[in-house]
Amino acid sequence: MQVRIFTIPISDTGAFAAEMNAFLLANKILEIEQKFFQNENGSHWSFCVRYIQNGVNTSGISGAYSNVKKIDYREVLSPECFAVFAKLRTIRKELAIADGVPAYAVFTDEELASIAKLPEITEKSVGEIKGIGEKKM
């Protein structure tokens, strides 16, 4: 895991934000923390991004990301569950665009599939799914 800090002034015309967005799209993002600062130099947002460079784990930690096999959820889920899964993916994409983050930062496909399998989608039942904690709720 690596860390990169982005500072974007309030007066940014889009150049700093575009640089950060290009970086986010090019790497596997694990976590983003943001904070607003105001001092004698002006106001700005600061973003701390924890990531794996280009999706390649160079930290020496187990290579979990490099060995992940793509799952075809159309084959794994029932037709009814897949319909819910597909709708959830559409909602996830809209949320990701609105928040300016990659879709998997909102929910992974595995988490969406688990939600789609629920008999009733409630805050309590979603919160019990592995990988979904208070932050995602």
N, C-alpha and C. Protein backbone atom coordinates (compact mmCIF):
# COMPACT_ATOMS: atom_id res chain seq x y z
N MET A 1 0.85 -1.17 0.00
CA MET A 1 0.00 0.00 0.00
C MET A 1 0.89 1.24 0.00
N GLN A 2 0.47 2.21 -0.79
CA GLN A 2 1.19 3.48 -0.85
C GLN A 2 0.22 4.60 -0.50
N VAL A 3 0.78 5.78 -0.22
CA VAL A 3 -0.02 6.94 0.16
C VAL A 3 0.37 8.12 -0.73
N ARG A 4 -0.63 8.88 -1.14
CA ARG A 4 -0.37 10.11 -1.90
C ARG A 4 -1.32 11.19 -1.37
N ILE A 5 -0.79 12.39 -1.21
CA ILE A 5 -1.57 13.53 -0.71
C ILE A 5 -1.85 14.48 -1.88
N PHE A 6 -3.11 14.88 -2.00
CA PHE A 6 -3.49 15.89 -2.99
C PHE A 6 -4.03 17.09 -2.24
N THR A 7 -3.62 18.28 -2.65
CA THR A 7 -4.13 19.52 -2.08
C THR A 7 -4.79 20.30 -3.21
N ILE A 8 -6.06 20.60 -3.03
CA ILE A 8 -6.81 21.30 -4.08
C ILE A 8 -7.35 22.60 -3.51
N PRO A 9 -6.86 23.73 -4.02
CA PRO A 9 -7.33 25.02 -3.52
C PRO A 9 -8.79 25.24 -3.90
N ILE A 10 -9.50 25.98 -3.08
CA ILE A 10 -10.89 26.32 -3.36
C ILE A 10 -11.01 27.03 -4.70
N SER A 11 -10.00 27.80 -5.05
CA SER A 11 -10.03 28.57 -6.30
C SER A 11 -9.65 27.73 -7.52
N ASP A 12 -9.50 26.42 -7.35
CA ASP A 12 -9.09 25.55 -8.46
C ASP A 12 -10.06 25.67 -9.63
N THR A 13 -9.50 25.83 -10.80
CA THR A 13 -10.32 25.93 -12.01
C THR A 13 -10.59 24.56 -12.61
N GLY A 14 -10.10 23.52 -11.96
CA GLY A 14 -10.33 22.16 -12.42
C GLY A 14 -9.06 21.38 -12.70
N ALA A 15 -7.93 22.05 -12.80
CA ALA A 15 -6.67 21.38 -13.13
C ALA A 15 -6.22 20.43 -12.02
N PHE A 16 -6.27 20.89 -10.76
CA PHE A 16 -5.85 20.04 -9.65
C PHE A 16 -6.80 18.87 -9.49
N ALA A 17 -8.09 19.13 -9.60
CA ALA A 17 -9.09 18.06 -9.48
C ALA A 17 -8.93 17.05 -10.61
N ALA A 18 -8.64 17.52 -11.82
CA ALA A 18 -8.45 16.61 -12.96
C ALA A 18 -7.23 15.72 -12.74
N GLU A 19 -6.16 16.29 -12.18
CA GLU A 19 -4.96 15.49 -11.88
C GLU A 19 -5.29 14.38 -10.88
N MET A 20 -6.03 14.74 -9.82
CA MET A 20 -6.38 13.74 -8.82
C MET A 20 -7.31 12.68 -9.42
N ASN A 21 -8.30 13.09 -10.20
CA ASN A 21 -9.23 12.13 -10.80
C ASN A 21 -8.51 11.17 -11.74
N ALA A 22 -7.55 11.66 -12.51
CA ALA A 22 -6.78 10.79 -13.40
C ALA A 22 -5.99 9.77 -12.58
N PHE A 23 -5.42 10.21 -11.47
CA PHE A 23 -4.69 9.31 -10.58
C PHE A 23 -5.62 8.24 -10.01
N LEU A 24 -6.81 8.65 -9.57
CA LEU A 24 -7.76 7.71 -8.98
C LEU A 24 -8.20 6.64 -9.98
N LEU A 25 -8.39 7.06 -11.23
CA LEU A 25 -8.80 6.11 -12.26
C LEU A 25 -7.69 5.13 -12.63
N ALA A 26 -6.43 5.54 -12.45
CA ALA A 26 -5.30 4.72 -12.88
C ALA A 26 -4.80 3.75 -11.82
N ASN A 27 -5.32 3.85 -10.59
CA ASN A 27 -4.81 3.02 -9.51
C ASN A 27 -5.94 2.36 -8.74
N LYS A 28 -5.61 1.31 -8.02
CA LYS A 28 -6.56 0.61 -7.15
C LYS A 28 -6.61 1.38 -5.84
N ILE A 29 -7.74 2.06 -5.59
CA ILE A 29 -7.87 2.91 -4.41
C ILE A 29 -8.41 2.09 -3.24
N LEU A 30 -7.73 2.17 -2.12
CA LEU A 30 -8.14 1.44 -0.92
C LEU A 30 -8.94 2.33 0.02
N GLU A 31 -8.53 3.59 0.13
CA GLU A 31 -9.19 4.50 1.07
C GLU A 31 -8.85 5.94 0.72
N ILE A 32 -9.80 6.83 0.94
CA ILE A 32 -9.56 8.26 0.75
C ILE A 32 -10.08 8.99 1.99
N GLU A 33 -9.22 9.82 2.56
CA GLU A 33 -9.63 10.68 3.66
C GLU A 33 -9.54 12.11 3.16
N GLN A 34 -10.52 12.93 3.51
CA GLN A 34 -10.49 14.31 3.06
C GLN A 34 -10.70 15.24 4.25
N LYS A 35 -10.10 16.43 4.13
CA LYS A 35 -10.24 17.43 5.18
C LYS A 35 -10.15 18.81 4.54
N PHE A 36 -10.95 19.72 5.06
CA PHE A 36 -10.96 21.11 4.59
C PHE A 36 -10.07 21.93 5.51
N PHE A 37 -9.17 22.73 4.91
CA PHE A 37 -8.27 23.58 5.68
C PHE A 37 -8.44 25.04 5.25
N GLN A 38 -8.27 25.92 6.23
CA GLN A 38 -8.29 27.34 5.95
C GLN A 38 -7.20 27.98 6.80
N ASN A 39 -6.25 28.66 6.13
CA ASN A 39 -5.17 29.31 6.85
C ASN A 39 -4.76 30.58 6.11
N GLU A 40 -3.61 31.16 6.48
CA GLU A 40 -3.17 32.41 5.87
C GLU A 40 -2.91 32.28 4.36
N ASN A 41 -2.72 31.06 3.89
CA ASN A 41 -2.48 30.82 2.46
C ASN A 41 -3.78 30.61 1.68
N GLY A 42 -4.91 30.61 2.36
CA GLY A 42 -6.19 30.43 1.70
C GLY A 42 -6.88 29.15 2.15
N SER A 43 -7.94 28.80 1.44
CA SER A 43 -8.72 27.62 1.77
C SER A 43 -8.46 26.53 0.73
N HIS A 44 -8.40 25.29 1.22
CA HIS A 44 -8.17 24.18 0.30
C HIS A 44 -8.65 22.87 0.91
N TRP A 45 -8.86 21.91 0.03
CA TRP A 45 -9.17 20.55 0.43
C TRP A 45 -7.88 19.75 0.37
N SER A 46 -7.71 18.87 1.33
CA SER A 46 -6.57 17.97 1.31
C SER A 46 -7.11 16.55 1.31
N PHE A 47 -6.58 15.71 0.41
CA PHE A 47 -7.02 14.32 0.28
C PHE A 47 -5.82 13.41 0.51
N CYS A 48 -5.98 12.47 1.41
CA CYS A 48 -4.98 11.44 1.64
C CYS A 48 -5.50 10.16 0.97
N VAL A 49 -4.79 9.69 -0.04
CA VAL A 49 -5.24 8.53 -0.82
C VAL A 49 -4.32 7.36 -0.53
N ARG A 50 -4.89 6.27 -0.04
CA ARG A 50 -4.15 5.02 0.14
C ARG A 50 -4.50 4.14 -1.06
N TYR A 51 -3.47 3.62 -1.72
CA TYR A 51 -3.72 2.93 -2.98
C TYR A 51 -2.69 1.84 -3.24
N ILE A 52 -3.00 1.02 -4.22
CA ILE A 52 -2.06 0.05 -4.76
C ILE A 52 -1.79 0.51 -6.18
N GLN A 53 -0.53 0.74 -6.49
CA GLN A 53 -0.15 1.31 -7.78
C GLN A 53 -0.58 0.43 -8.94
N ASN A 54 -1.39 1.01 -9.84
CA ASN A 54 -1.87 0.32 -11.03
C ASN A 54 -2.45 -1.05 -10.72
N GLY A 55 -2.99 -1.22 -9.51
CA GLY A 55 -3.57 -2.49 -9.13
C GLY A 55 -2.55 -3.54 -8.77
N VAL A 56 -1.26 -3.18 -8.72
CA VAL A 56 -0.20 -4.14 -8.40
C VAL A 56 0.25 -3.91 -6.97
N ASN A 57 0.20 -4.95 -6.17
CA ASN A 57 0.58 -4.86 -4.77
C ASN A 57 2.10 -4.96 -4.65
N THR A 58 2.76 -3.84 -4.30
CA THR A 58 4.21 -3.83 -4.17
C THR A 58 4.64 -3.72 -2.71
N SER A 59 3.70 -3.90 -1.78
CA SER A 59 4.01 -3.68 -0.37
C SER A 59 4.60 -4.91 0.32
N GLY A 60 4.60 -6.06 -0.35
CA GLY A 60 5.07 -7.27 0.30
C GLY A 60 3.95 -7.99 1.03
N ILE A 61 2.79 -7.37 1.11
CA ILE A 61 1.63 -8.01 1.73
C ILE A 61 1.06 -8.99 0.73
N SER A 62 0.43 -10.02 1.20
CA SER A 62 -0.14 -11.06 0.35
C SER A 62 -0.76 -10.50 -0.91
N GLY A 63 -0.52 -11.13 -2.04
CA GLY A 63 -0.98 -10.65 -3.34
C GLY A 63 -2.43 -10.94 -3.61
N ALA A 64 -3.30 -10.57 -2.73
CA ALA A 64 -4.72 -10.87 -2.87
C ALA A 64 -5.33 -10.25 -4.11
N TYR A 65 -4.88 -9.06 -4.49
CA TYR A 65 -5.49 -8.37 -5.61
C TYR A 65 -5.08 -8.95 -6.95
N SER A 66 -3.85 -9.47 -7.03
CA SER A 66 -3.36 -9.97 -8.31
C SER A 66 -3.93 -11.34 -8.66
N ASN A 67 -4.46 -12.07 -7.68
CA ASN A 67 -4.96 -13.42 -7.93
C ASN A 67 -6.48 -13.51 -7.99
N VAL A 68 -7.15 -12.38 -7.98
CA VAL A 68 -8.61 -12.37 -7.98
C VAL A 68 -9.12 -12.75 -9.37
N LYS A 69 -10.00 -13.75 -9.42
CA LYS A 69 -10.59 -14.16 -10.69
C LYS A 69 -11.92 -13.43 -10.86
N LYS A 70 -12.19 -13.00 -12.08
CA LYS A 70 -13.43 -12.30 -12.39
C LYS A 70 -14.60 -13.28 -12.33
N ILE A 71 -15.65 -12.89 -11.64
CA ILE A 71 -16.83 -13.73 -11.49
C ILE A 71 -17.93 -13.21 -12.40
N ASP A 72 -18.57 -14.11 -13.13
CA ASP A 72 -19.73 -13.75 -13.95
C ASP A 72 -20.97 -13.95 -13.08
N TYR A 73 -21.47 -12.86 -12.52
CA TYR A 73 -22.59 -12.96 -11.60
C TYR A 73 -23.89 -13.38 -12.28
N ARG A 74 -23.94 -13.28 -13.59
CA ARG A 74 -25.12 -13.77 -14.32
C ARG A 74 -25.22 -15.29 -14.19
N GLU A 75 -24.06 -15.95 -14.08
CA GLU A 75 -24.03 -17.40 -13.93
C GLU A 75 -24.20 -17.82 -12.47
N VAL A 76 -23.74 -17.00 -11.55
CA VAL A 76 -23.74 -17.34 -10.13
C VAL A 76 -25.08 -17.07 -9.46
N LEU A 77 -25.72 -15.97 -9.83
CA LEU A 77 -26.97 -15.56 -9.19
C LEU A 77 -28.19 -16.09 -9.95
N SER A 78 -29.28 -16.24 -9.24
CA SER A 78 -30.54 -16.58 -9.90
C SER A 78 -30.96 -15.40 -10.77
N PRO A 79 -31.84 -15.62 -11.75
CA PRO A 79 -32.28 -14.49 -12.59
C PRO A 79 -32.88 -13.34 -11.78
N GLU A 80 -33.64 -13.67 -10.74
CA GLU A 80 -34.25 -12.63 -9.90
C GLU A 80 -33.18 -11.84 -9.15
N CYS A 81 -32.21 -12.56 -8.56
CA CYS A 81 -31.13 -11.90 -7.83
C CYS A 81 -30.25 -11.08 -8.77
N PHE A 82 -30.02 -11.61 -9.98
CA PHE A 82 -29.20 -10.87 -10.93
C PHE A 82 -29.87 -9.57 -11.34
N ALA A 83 -31.20 -9.57 -11.46
CA ALA A 83 -31.92 -8.34 -11.81
C ALA A 83 -31.71 -7.28 -10.73
N VAL A 84 -31.77 -7.71 -9.46
CA VAL A 84 -31.53 -6.79 -8.34
C VAL A 84 -30.07 -6.32 -8.38
N PHE A 85 -29.15 -7.26 -8.61
CA PHE A 85 -27.72 -6.96 -8.70
C PHE A 85 -27.45 -5.90 -9.78
N ALA A 86 -28.06 -6.08 -10.95
CA ALA A 86 -27.87 -5.14 -12.06
C ALA A 86 -28.37 -3.74 -11.69
N LYS A 87 -29.51 -3.67 -11.01
CA LYS A 87 -30.05 -2.37 -10.58
C LYS A 87 -29.13 -1.73 -9.54
N LEU A 88 -28.62 -2.54 -8.62
CA LEU A 88 -27.69 -2.03 -7.60
C LEU A 88 -26.41 -1.50 -8.24
N ARG A 89 -25.94 -2.17 -9.29
CA ARG A 89 -24.73 -1.68 -9.99
C ARG A 89 -24.99 -0.31 -10.62
N THR A 90 -26.18 -0.11 -11.16
CA THR A 90 -26.53 1.19 -11.75
C THR A 90 -26.53 2.28 -10.67
N ILE A 91 -27.13 1.97 -9.53
CA ILE A 91 -27.17 2.93 -8.41
C ILE A 91 -25.76 3.20 -7.91
N ARG A 92 -24.94 2.13 -7.80
CA ARG A 92 -23.55 2.29 -7.34
C ARG A 92 -22.78 3.22 -8.27
N LYS A 93 -22.97 3.05 -9.57
CA LYS A 93 -22.27 3.89 -10.55
C LYS A 93 -22.65 5.35 -10.37
N GLU A 94 -23.94 5.62 -10.18
CA GLU A 94 -24.41 7.00 -9.97
C GLU A 94 -23.80 7.60 -8.71
N LEU A 95 -23.75 6.81 -7.63
CA LEU A 95 -23.16 7.29 -6.38
C LEU A 95 -21.67 7.57 -6.54
N ALA A 96 -20.99 6.67 -7.24
CA ALA A 96 -19.55 6.84 -7.45
C ALA A 96 -19.25 8.10 -8.25
N ILE A 97 -20.04 8.34 -9.28
CA ILE A 97 -19.84 9.55 -10.09
C ILE A 97 -20.10 10.80 -9.25
N ALA A 98 -21.18 10.77 -8.46
CA ALA A 98 -21.52 11.92 -7.62
C ALA A 98 -20.43 12.20 -6.58
N ASP A 99 -19.81 11.14 -6.05
CA ASP A 99 -18.78 11.29 -5.03
C ASP A 99 -17.38 11.42 -5.62
N GLY A 100 -17.25 11.20 -6.93
CA GLY A 100 -15.95 11.29 -7.57
C GLY A 100 -14.99 10.19 -7.16
N VAL A 101 -15.52 8.99 -6.93
CA VAL A 101 -14.69 7.85 -6.53
C VAL A 101 -14.94 6.68 -7.47
N PRO A 102 -14.04 5.70 -7.50
CA PRO A 102 -14.30 4.52 -8.31
C PRO A 102 -15.50 3.73 -7.76
N ALA A 103 -16.19 3.04 -8.62
CA ALA A 103 -17.40 2.30 -8.21
C ALA A 103 -17.11 1.30 -7.08
N TYR A 104 -15.97 0.61 -7.16
CA TYR A 104 -15.67 -0.39 -6.13
C TYR A 104 -15.43 0.23 -4.75
N ALA A 105 -15.20 1.54 -4.70
CA ALA A 105 -15.05 2.21 -3.40
C ALA A 105 -16.40 2.36 -2.71
N VAL A 106 -17.47 2.36 -3.49
CA VAL A 106 -18.82 2.43 -2.92
C VAL A 106 -19.19 1.05 -2.39
N PHE A 107 -19.24 0.06 -3.27
CA PHE A 107 -19.46 -1.34 -2.92
C PHE A 107 -18.76 -2.19 -3.97
N THR A 108 -18.19 -3.32 -3.55
CA THR A 108 -17.61 -4.25 -4.51
C THR A 108 -18.73 -5.07 -5.14
N ASP A 109 -18.42 -5.76 -6.25
CA ASP A 109 -19.42 -6.64 -6.87
C ASP A 109 -19.84 -7.73 -5.89
N GLU A 110 -18.90 -8.25 -5.12
CA GLU A 110 -19.21 -9.30 -4.15
C GLU A 110 -20.20 -8.78 -3.10
N GLU A 111 -20.00 -7.56 -2.64
CA GLU A 111 -20.93 -6.97 -1.67
C GLU A 111 -22.30 -6.76 -2.30
N LEU A 112 -22.33 -6.29 -3.55
CA LEU A 112 -23.61 -6.10 -4.23
C LEU A 112 -24.34 -7.42 -4.42
N ALA A 113 -23.59 -8.47 -4.76
CA ALA A 113 -24.21 -9.79 -4.92
C ALA A 113 -24.80 -10.27 -3.60
N SER A 114 -24.11 -10.02 -2.51
CA SER A 114 -24.63 -10.41 -1.19
C SER A 114 -25.90 -9.62 -0.85
N ILE A 115 -25.91 -8.34 -1.21
CA ILE A 115 -27.11 -7.52 -0.98
C ILE A 115 -28.26 -8.05 -1.83
N ALA A 116 -27.97 -8.39 -3.08
CA ALA A 116 -29.01 -8.87 -4.00
C ALA A 116 -29.64 -10.17 -3.53
N LYS A 117 -28.90 -10.97 -2.80
CA LYS A 117 -29.40 -12.26 -2.29
C LYS A 117 -30.29 -12.11 -1.06
N LEU A 118 -30.28 -10.93 -0.44
CA LEU A 118 -31.06 -10.73 0.78
C LEU A 118 -32.55 -10.84 0.47
N PRO A 119 -33.32 -11.50 1.34
CA PRO A 119 -34.77 -11.57 1.13
C PRO A 119 -35.42 -10.19 1.24
N GLU A 120 -34.86 -9.36 2.12
CA GLU A 120 -35.35 -7.99 2.29
C GLU A 120 -34.12 -7.12 2.55
N ILE A 121 -34.00 -6.04 1.79
CA ILE A 121 -32.84 -5.16 1.94
C ILE A 121 -33.18 -4.11 3.00
N THR A 122 -32.55 -4.27 4.16
CA THR A 122 -32.72 -3.31 5.25
C THR A 122 -31.33 -2.86 5.69
N GLU A 123 -31.29 -1.76 6.41
CA GLU A 123 -30.01 -1.26 6.90
C GLU A 123 -29.32 -2.30 7.78
N LYS A 124 -30.09 -2.98 8.60
CA LYS A 124 -29.54 -4.00 9.51
C LYS A 124 -28.97 -5.17 8.72
N SER A 125 -29.72 -5.68 7.74
CA SER A 125 -29.25 -6.85 7.00
C SER A 125 -28.03 -6.50 6.13
N VAL A 126 -28.01 -5.32 5.55
CA VAL A 126 -26.87 -4.91 4.74
C VAL A 126 -25.64 -4.73 5.63
N GLY A 127 -25.82 -4.19 6.81
CA GLY A 127 -24.71 -3.97 7.73
C GLY A 127 -24.07 -5.25 8.23
N GLU A 128 -24.74 -6.37 8.08
CA GLU A 128 -24.19 -7.66 8.52
C GLU A 128 -23.36 -8.35 7.44
N ILE A 129 -23.31 -7.78 6.25
CA ILE A 129 -22.55 -8.37 5.14
C ILE A 129 -21.07 -8.09 5.34
N LYS A 130 -20.24 -9.11 5.10
CA LYS A 130 -18.80 -8.98 5.23
C LYS A 130 -18.29 -7.88 4.31
N GLY A 131 -17.50 -6.96 4.87
CA GLY A 131 -16.93 -5.87 4.09
C GLY A 131 -17.72 -4.57 4.18
N ILE A 132 -18.94 -4.65 4.71
CA ILE A 132 -19.75 -3.44 4.82
C ILE A 132 -19.80 -3.04 6.30
N GLY A 133 -19.09 -1.99 6.61
CA GLY A 133 -19.05 -1.49 7.99
C GLY A 133 -19.79 -0.17 8.09
N GLU A 134 -19.57 0.50 9.21
CA GLU A 134 -20.23 1.77 9.47
C GLU A 134 -19.91 2.81 8.40
N LYS A 135 -18.67 2.84 7.93
CA LYS A 135 -18.25 3.84 6.96
C LYS A 135 -19.05 3.72 5.66
N LYS A 136 -19.24 2.51 5.18
CA LYS A 136 -20.01 2.32 3.94
C LYS A 136 -21.50 2.52 4.17
N MET A 137 -21.96 2.21 5.35
CA MET A 137 -23.39 2.40 5.65
C MET A 137 -23.71 3.88 5.63
